[in-house]
């Protein structure tokens, strides 16, 4: 007989319960695989998992440290920016004050130079007036002497006499000019 037929003729077996030899071979194979996994593979898996856990924890700690450092650097930059703005405002104010002082100094220097020029002008005018007055006195004196000589009929060549006559004539002219004012 065919062994398949013989198996079919025997008692019907439940499909849920395997035959005993298969069960023993399966348990031995399971024990071997379990032992291999427990001794070799499971420690490697645990090691890799622990390394990943440590890497993740380390990454989180590094990220927190980097964030703390970034926040610290940001605060330093903000403080430096505020200080730079304060310094710029101070420099602007200082430049404004220096500009105002320089403007006042230049204005005072201009005023002083203007006054010097005016004083020099007045001095020059006074000198020119005196020179013109002196030249006019001499010309008028000469003309007066010539005219007086013609009127009197005698020569007034004597310098002392001429000088007295001229002085007297000019004094009279000045008195009349002052009286007219």
C-alpha atoms as a PDB file:
ATOM      1  CA  UNK A   1       0.000   0.000   0.000  1.00  0.00           C
ATOM      2  CA  UNK A   2       0.772   3.473  -0.655  1.00  0.00           C
ATOM      3  CA  UNK A   3       1.909   5.353   2.427  1.00  0.00           C
ATOM      4  CA  UNK A   4      -0.364   8.251   1.629  1.00  0.00           C
ATOM      5  CA  UNK A   5      -3.320   5.998   1.491  1.00  0.00           C
ATOM      6  CA  UNK A   6      -2.318   4.391   4.716  1.00  0.00           C
ATOM      7  CA  UNK A   7      -2.150   7.738   6.398  1.00  0.00           C
ATOM      8  CA  UNK A   8      -5.524   8.670   5.113  1.00  0.00           C
ATOM      9  CA  UNK A   9      -6.980   5.390   6.409  1.00  0.00           C
ATOM     10  CA  UNK A  10      -5.767   5.959   9.918  1.00  0.00           C
ATOM     11  CA  UNK A  11      -7.709   7.971  12.358  1.00  0.00           C
ATOM     12  CA  UNK A  12      -8.488  11.476  11.412  1.00  0.00           C
ATOM     13  CA  UNK A  13      -6.112  13.924  13.043  1.00  0.00           C
ATOM     14  CA  UNK A  14      -6.963  17.405  14.141  1.00  0.00           C
ATOM     15  CA  UNK A  15      -5.367  20.036  11.930  1.00  0.00           C
ATOM     16  CA  UNK A  16      -4.619  22.162  15.004  1.00  0.00           C
ATOM     17  CA  UNK A  17      -2.489  19.607  16.826  1.00  0.00           C
ATOM     18  CA  UNK A  18       0.735  18.742  15.012  1.00  0.00           C
ATOM     19  CA  UNK A  19       2.229  15.273  15.172  1.00  0.00           C
ATOM     20  CA  UNK A  20       4.543  14.599  18.132  1.00  0.00           C
ATOM     21  CA  UNK A  21       7.793  14.125  16.172  1.00  0.00           C
ATOM     22  CA  UNK A  22       7.208  17.389  14.347  1.00  0.00           C
ATOM     23  CA  UNK A  23       6.468  19.078  17.634  1.00  0.00           C
ATOM     24  CA  UNK A  24       9.728  17.828  19.165  1.00  0.00           C
ATOM     25  CA  UNK A  25      11.792  18.841  16.122  1.00  0.00           C
ATOM     26  CA  UNK A  26      10.059  22.255  16.101  1.00  0.00           C
ATOM     27  CA  UNK A  27      10.755  22.776  19.827  1.00  0.00           C
ATOM     28  CA  UNK A  28      14.428  21.835  19.387  1.00  0.00           C
ATOM     29  CA  UNK A  29      14.749  24.191  16.381  1.00  0.00           C
ATOM     30  CA  UNK A  30      12.982  26.940  18.347  1.00  0.00           C
ATOM     31  CA  UNK A  31      15.338  26.429  21.321  1.00  0.00           C
ATOM     32  CA  UNK A  32      18.371  26.629  19.011  1.00  0.00           C
ATOM     33  CA  UNK A  33      17.104  29.801  17.324  1.00  0.00           C
ATOM     34  CA  UNK A  34      16.073  31.290  20.704  1.00  0.00           C
ATOM     35  CA  UNK A  35      19.478  30.473  22.204  1.00  0.00           C
ATOM     36  CA  UNK A  36      21.265  31.975  19.167  1.00  0.00           C
ATOM     37  CA  UNK A  37      19.097  35.099  19.310  1.00  0.00           C
ATOM     38  CA  UNK A  38      19.464  35.445  23.093  1.00  0.00           C
ATOM     39  CA  UNK A  39      23.248  35.018  23.098  1.00  0.00           C
ATOM     40  CA  UNK A  40      24.354  36.694  19.884  1.00  0.00           C
ATOM     41  CA  UNK A  41      21.719  38.838  18.265  1.00  0.00           C
ATOM     42  CA  UNK A  42      19.841  40.271  21.263  1.00  0.00           C
ATOM     43  CA  UNK A  43      22.944  41.854  22.916  1.00  0.00           C
ATOM     44  CA  UNK A  44      23.875  43.446  19.570  1.00  0.00           C
ATOM     45  CA  UNK A  45      20.338  44.783  19.168  1.00  0.00           C
ATOM     46  CA  UNK A  46      20.348  46.105  22.758  1.00  0.00           C
ATOM     47  CA  UNK A  47      23.752  47.674  22.187  1.00  0.00           C
ATOM     48  CA  UNK A  48      22.584  49.406  18.999  1.00  0.00           C
ATOM     49  CA  UNK A  49      19.393  50.572  20.744  1.00  0.00           C
ATOM     50  CA  UNK A  50      21.406  51.933  23.678  1.00  0.00           C
ATOM     51  CA  UNK A  51      23.788  53.716  21.293  1.00  0.00           C
ATOM     52  CA  UNK A  52      20.844  55.242  19.442  1.00  0.00           C
ATOM     53  CA  UNK A  53      19.254  56.230  22.739  1.00  0.00           C
ATOM     54  CA  UNK A  54      22.547  57.797  23.872  1.00  0.00           C
ATOM     55  CA  UNK A  55      22.958  59.530  20.524  1.00  0.00           C
ATOM     56  CA  UNK A  56      19.421  60.890  20.676  1.00  0.00           C
ATOM     57  CA  UNK A  57      19.858  62.025  24.281  1.00  0.00           C
ATOM     58  CA  UNK A  58      23.262  63.512  23.416  1.00  0.00           C
ATOM     59  CA  UNK A  59      21.741  65.221  20.391  1.00  0.00           C
ATOM     60  CA  UNK A  60      18.969  66.662  22.517  1.00  0.00           C
ATOM     61  CA  UNK A  61      21.495  67.862  25.099  1.00  0.00           C
ATOM     62  CA  UNK A  62      23.689  69.316  22.349  1.00  0.00           C
ATOM     63  CA  UNK A  63      20.663  71.008  20.803  1.00  0.00           C
ATOM     64  CA  UNK A  64      19.676  72.452  24.166  1.00  0.00           C
ATOM     65  CA  UNK A  65      23.262  73.612  24.772  1.00  0.00           C
ATOM     66  CA  UNK A  66      23.421  75.106  21.275  1.00  0.00           C
ATOM     67  CA  UNK A  67      20.082  76.838  21.830  1.00  0.00           C
ATOM     68  CA  UNK A  68      21.275  78.194  25.175  1.00  0.00           C
ATOM     69  CA  UNK A  69      24.517  79.375  23.586  1.00  0.00           C
ATOM     70  CA  UNK A  70      22.627  80.917  20.665  1.00  0.00           C
ATOM     71  CA  UNK A  71      20.357  82.733  23.097  1.00  0.00           C
ATOM     72  CA  UNK A  72      23.400  83.977  25.008  1.00  0.00           C
ATOM     73  CA  UNK A  73      25.079  85.158  21.790  1.00  0.00           C
ATOM     74  CA  UNK A  74      21.827  86.838  20.700  1.00  0.00           C
ATOM     75  CA  UNK A  75      21.648  88.701  24.001  1.00  0.00           C
ATOM     76  CA  UNK A  76      25.301  89.734  23.629  1.00  0.00           C
ATOM     77  CA  UNK A  77      24.624  90.980  20.103  1.00  0.00           C
ATOM     78  CA  UNK A  78      21.574  92.880  21.307  1.00  0.00           C
ATOM     79  CA  UNK A  79      23.634  94.434  24.093  1.00  0.00           C
ATOM     80  CA  UNK A  80      26.413  95.338  21.644  1.00  0.00           C
ATOM     81  CA  UNK A  81      23.844  96.787  19.233  1.00  0.00           C
ATOM     82  CA  UNK A  82      22.293  98.861  21.999  1.00  0.00           C
ATOM     83  CA  UNK A  83      25.754 100.013  23.067  1.00  0.00           C
ATOM     84  CA  UNK A  84      26.652 100.866  19.461  1.00  0.00           C
ATOM     85  CA  UNK A  85      23.421 102.850  19.081  1.00  0.00           C
ATOM     86  CA  UNK A  86      24.137 104.657  22.321  1.00  0.00           C
ATOM     87  CA  UNK A  87      27.690 105.398  21.167  1.00  0.00           C
ATOM     88  CA  UNK A  88      26.401 106.619  17.776  1.00  0.00           C
ATOM     89  CA  UNK A  89      23.913 108.922  19.512  1.00  0.00           C
ATOM     90  CA  UNK A  90      26.675 110.219  21.762  1.00  0.00           C
ATOM     91  CA  UNK A  91      28.984 110.813  18.790  1.00  0.00           C
ATOM     92  CA  UNK A  92      26.171 112.541  16.894  1.00  0.00           C
ATOM     93  CA  UNK A  93      25.506 114.803  19.881  1.00  0.00           C
ATOM     94  CA  UNK A  94      29.227 115.480  20.263  1.00  0.00           C
ATOM     95  CA  UNK A  95      29.550 116.337  16.556  1.00  0.00           C
ATOM     96  CA  UNK A  96      26.525 118.632  16.819  1.00  0.00           C
ATOM     97  CA  UNK A  97      28.045 120.386  19.818  1.00  0.00           C
ATOM     98  CA  UNK A  98      31.419 120.681  18.079  1.00  0.00           C
ATOM     99  CA  UNK A  99      29.692 122.003  14.962  1.00  0.00           C
ATOM    100  CA  UNK A 100      27.822 124.591  17.002  1.00  0.00           C
ATOM    101  CA  UNK A 101      31.001 125.590  18.838  1.00  0.00           C
ATOM    102  CA  UNK A 102      32.917 125.803  15.556  1.00  0.00           C
ATOM    103  CA  UNK A 103      30.146 127.874  14.010  1.00  0.00           C
ATOM    104  CA  UNK A 104      30.180 130.247  16.963  1.00  0.00           C
ATOM    105  CA  UNK A 105      33.974 130.424  16.833  1.00  0.00           C
ATOM    106  CA  UNK A 106      33.926 131.197  13.112  1.00  0.00           C
ATOM    107  CA  UNK A 107      31.187 133.781  13.632  1.00  0.00           C
ATOM    108  CA  UNK A 108      33.240 135.456  16.387  1.00  0.00           C
ATOM    109  CA  UNK A 109      36.364 135.350  14.193  1.00  0.00           C
ATOM    110  CA  UNK A 110      34.401 136.874  11.303  1.00  0.00           C
ATOM    111  CA  UNK A 111      33.036 139.580  13.588  1.00  0.00           C
ATOM    112  CA  UNK A 112      36.540 140.305  14.884  1.00  0.00           C
ATOM    113  CA  UNK A 113      37.940 140.506  11.351  1.00  0.00           C
ATOM    114  CA  UNK A 114      35.048 142.727  10.297  1.00  0.00           C
ATOM    115  CA  UNK A 115      35.741 145.063  13.201  1.00  0.00           C
ATOM    116  CA  UNK A 116      39.455 145.093  12.342  1.00  0.00           C
ATOM    117  CA  UNK A 117      38.648 145.948   8.722  1.00  0.00           C
ATOM    118  CA  UNK A 118      36.241 148.693   9.779  1.00  0.00           C
ATOM    119  CA  UNK A 119      38.784 150.088  12.248  1.00  0.00           C
ATOM    120  CA  UNK A 120      41.489 149.950   9.585  1.00  0.00           C
ATOM    121  CA  UNK A 121      39.104 151.666   7.167  1.00  0.00           C
ATOM    122  CA  UNK A 122      38.329 154.403   9.691  1.00  0.00           C
ATOM    123  CA  UNK A 123      42.043 154.839  10.370  1.00  0.00           C
ATOM    124  CA  UNK A 124      42.766 155.020   6.644  1.00  0.00           C
ATOM    125  CA  UNK A 125      39.914 157.491   6.103  1.00  0.00           C
ATOM    126  CA  UNK A 126      41.164 159.646   8.967  1.00  0.00           C
ATOM    127  CA  UNK A 127      44.713 159.547   7.571  1.00  0.00           C
ATOM    128  CA  UNK A 128      43.421 160.365   4.074  1.00  0.00           C
ATOM    129  CA  UNK A 129      41.307 163.206   5.488  1.00  0.00           C
ATOM    130  CA  UNK A 130      44.279 164.630   7.337  1.00  0.00           C
ATOM    131  CA  UNK A 131      46.476 164.310   4.252  1.00  0.00           C
ATOM    132  CA  UNK A 132      43.771 165.936   2.107  1.00  0.00           C
ATOM    133  CA  UNK A 133      43.303 168.657   4.702  1.00  0.00           C
ATOM    134  CA  UNK A 134      47.036 169.283   4.785  1.00  0.00           C
ATOM    135  CA  UNK A 135      47.260 169.345   0.977  1.00  0.00           C
ATOM    136  CA  UNK A 136      44.225 171.607   0.839  1.00  0.00           C
ATOM    137  CA  UNK A 137      45.746 173.925   3.434  1.00  0.00           C
ATOM    138  CA  UNK A 138      48.900 174.215   1.404  1.00  0.00           C
ATOM    139  CA  UNK A 139      47.030 174.811  -1.860  1.00  0.00           C
ATOM    140  CA  UNK A 140      44.621 177.270  -0.275  1.00  0.00           C
ATOM    141  CA  UNK A 141      47.530 178.949   1.501  1.00  0.00           C
ATOM    142  CA  UNK A 142      49.440 179.295  -1.730  1.00  0.00           C
ATOM    143  CA  UNK A 143      46.382 180.662  -3.523  1.00  0.00           C
ATOM    144  CA  UNK A 144      45.597 182.988  -0.622  1.00  0.00           C
ATOM    145  CA  UNK A 145      49.150 184.245  -0.552  1.00  0.00           C
ATOM    146  CA  UNK A 146      49.144 184.859  -4.277  1.00  0.00           C
ATOM    147  CA  UNK A 147      45.774 186.584  -4.097  1.00  0.00           C
ATOM    148  CA  UNK A 148      46.726 188.638  -1.068  1.00  0.00           C
ATOM    149  CA  UNK A 149      49.941 189.618  -2.795  1.00  0.00           C
ATOM    150  CA  UNK A 150      47.997 190.818  -5.807  1.00  0.00           C
ATOM    151  CA  UNK A 151      45.488 192.701  -3.669  1.00  0.00           C
ATOM    152  CA  UNK A 152      48.004 194.303  -1.400  1.00  0.00           C
ATOM    153  CA  UNK A 153      50.371 194.945  -4.203  1.00  0.00           C
ATOM    154  CA  UNK A 154      53.397 193.672  -2.384  1.00  0.00           C
ATOM    155  CA  UNK A 155      55.013 190.314  -2.400  1.00  0.00           C
ATOM    156  CA  UNK A 156      54.370 187.943   0.417  1.00  0.00           C
ATOM    157  CA  UNK A 157      57.319 185.771  -0.322  1.00  0.00           C
ATOM    158  CA  UNK A 158      58.592 185.891   3.211  1.00  0.00           C
ATOM    159  CA  UNK A 159      57.794 182.435   4.556  1.00  0.00           C
ATOM    160  CA  UNK A 160      57.126 183.524   8.148  1.00  0.00           C
ATOM    161  CA  UNK A 161      54.754 186.199   7.012  1.00  0.00           C
ATOM    162  CA  UNK A 162      53.198 183.829   4.497  1.00  0.00           C
ATOM    163  CA  UNK A 163      52.717 181.166   7.131  1.00  0.00           C
ATOM    164  CA  UNK A 164      51.018 183.573   9.555  1.00  0.00           C
ATOM    165  CA  UNK A 165      48.722 184.868   6.837  1.00  0.00           C
ATOM    166  CA  UNK A 166      47.766 181.387   5.733  1.00  0.00           C
ATOM    167  CA  UNK A 167      47.119 180.234   9.285  1.00  0.00           C
ATOM    168  CA  UNK A 168      44.987 183.257  10.033  1.00  0.00           C
ATOM    169  CA  UNK A 169      42.974 182.807   6.820  1.00  0.00           C
ATOM    170  CA  UNK A 170      42.372 179.114   7.434  1.00  0.00           C
ATOM    171  CA  UNK A 171      41.399 179.680  11.055  1.00  0.00           C
ATOM    172  CA  UNK A 172      38.800 182.198   9.906  1.00  0.00           C
ATOM    173  CA  UNK A 173      37.480 179.691   7.354  1.00  0.00           C
ATOM    174  CA  UNK A 174      37.195 176.989  10.010  1.00  0.00           C
ATOM    175  CA  UNK A 175      35.339 179.352  12.368  1.00  0.00           C
ATOM    176  CA  UNK A 176      32.871 180.229   9.630  1.00  0.00           C
ATOM    177  CA  UNK A 177      32.381 176.528   8.790  1.00  0.00           C
ATOM    178  CA  UNK A 178      31.690 175.683  12.432  1.00  0.00           C
ATOM    179  CA  UNK A 179      29.319 178.618  12.820  1.00  0.00           C
ATOM    180  CA  UNK A 180      27.392 177.451   9.753  1.00  0.00           C
ATOM    181  CA  UNK A 181      26.759 174.086  11.331  1.00  0.00           C
END
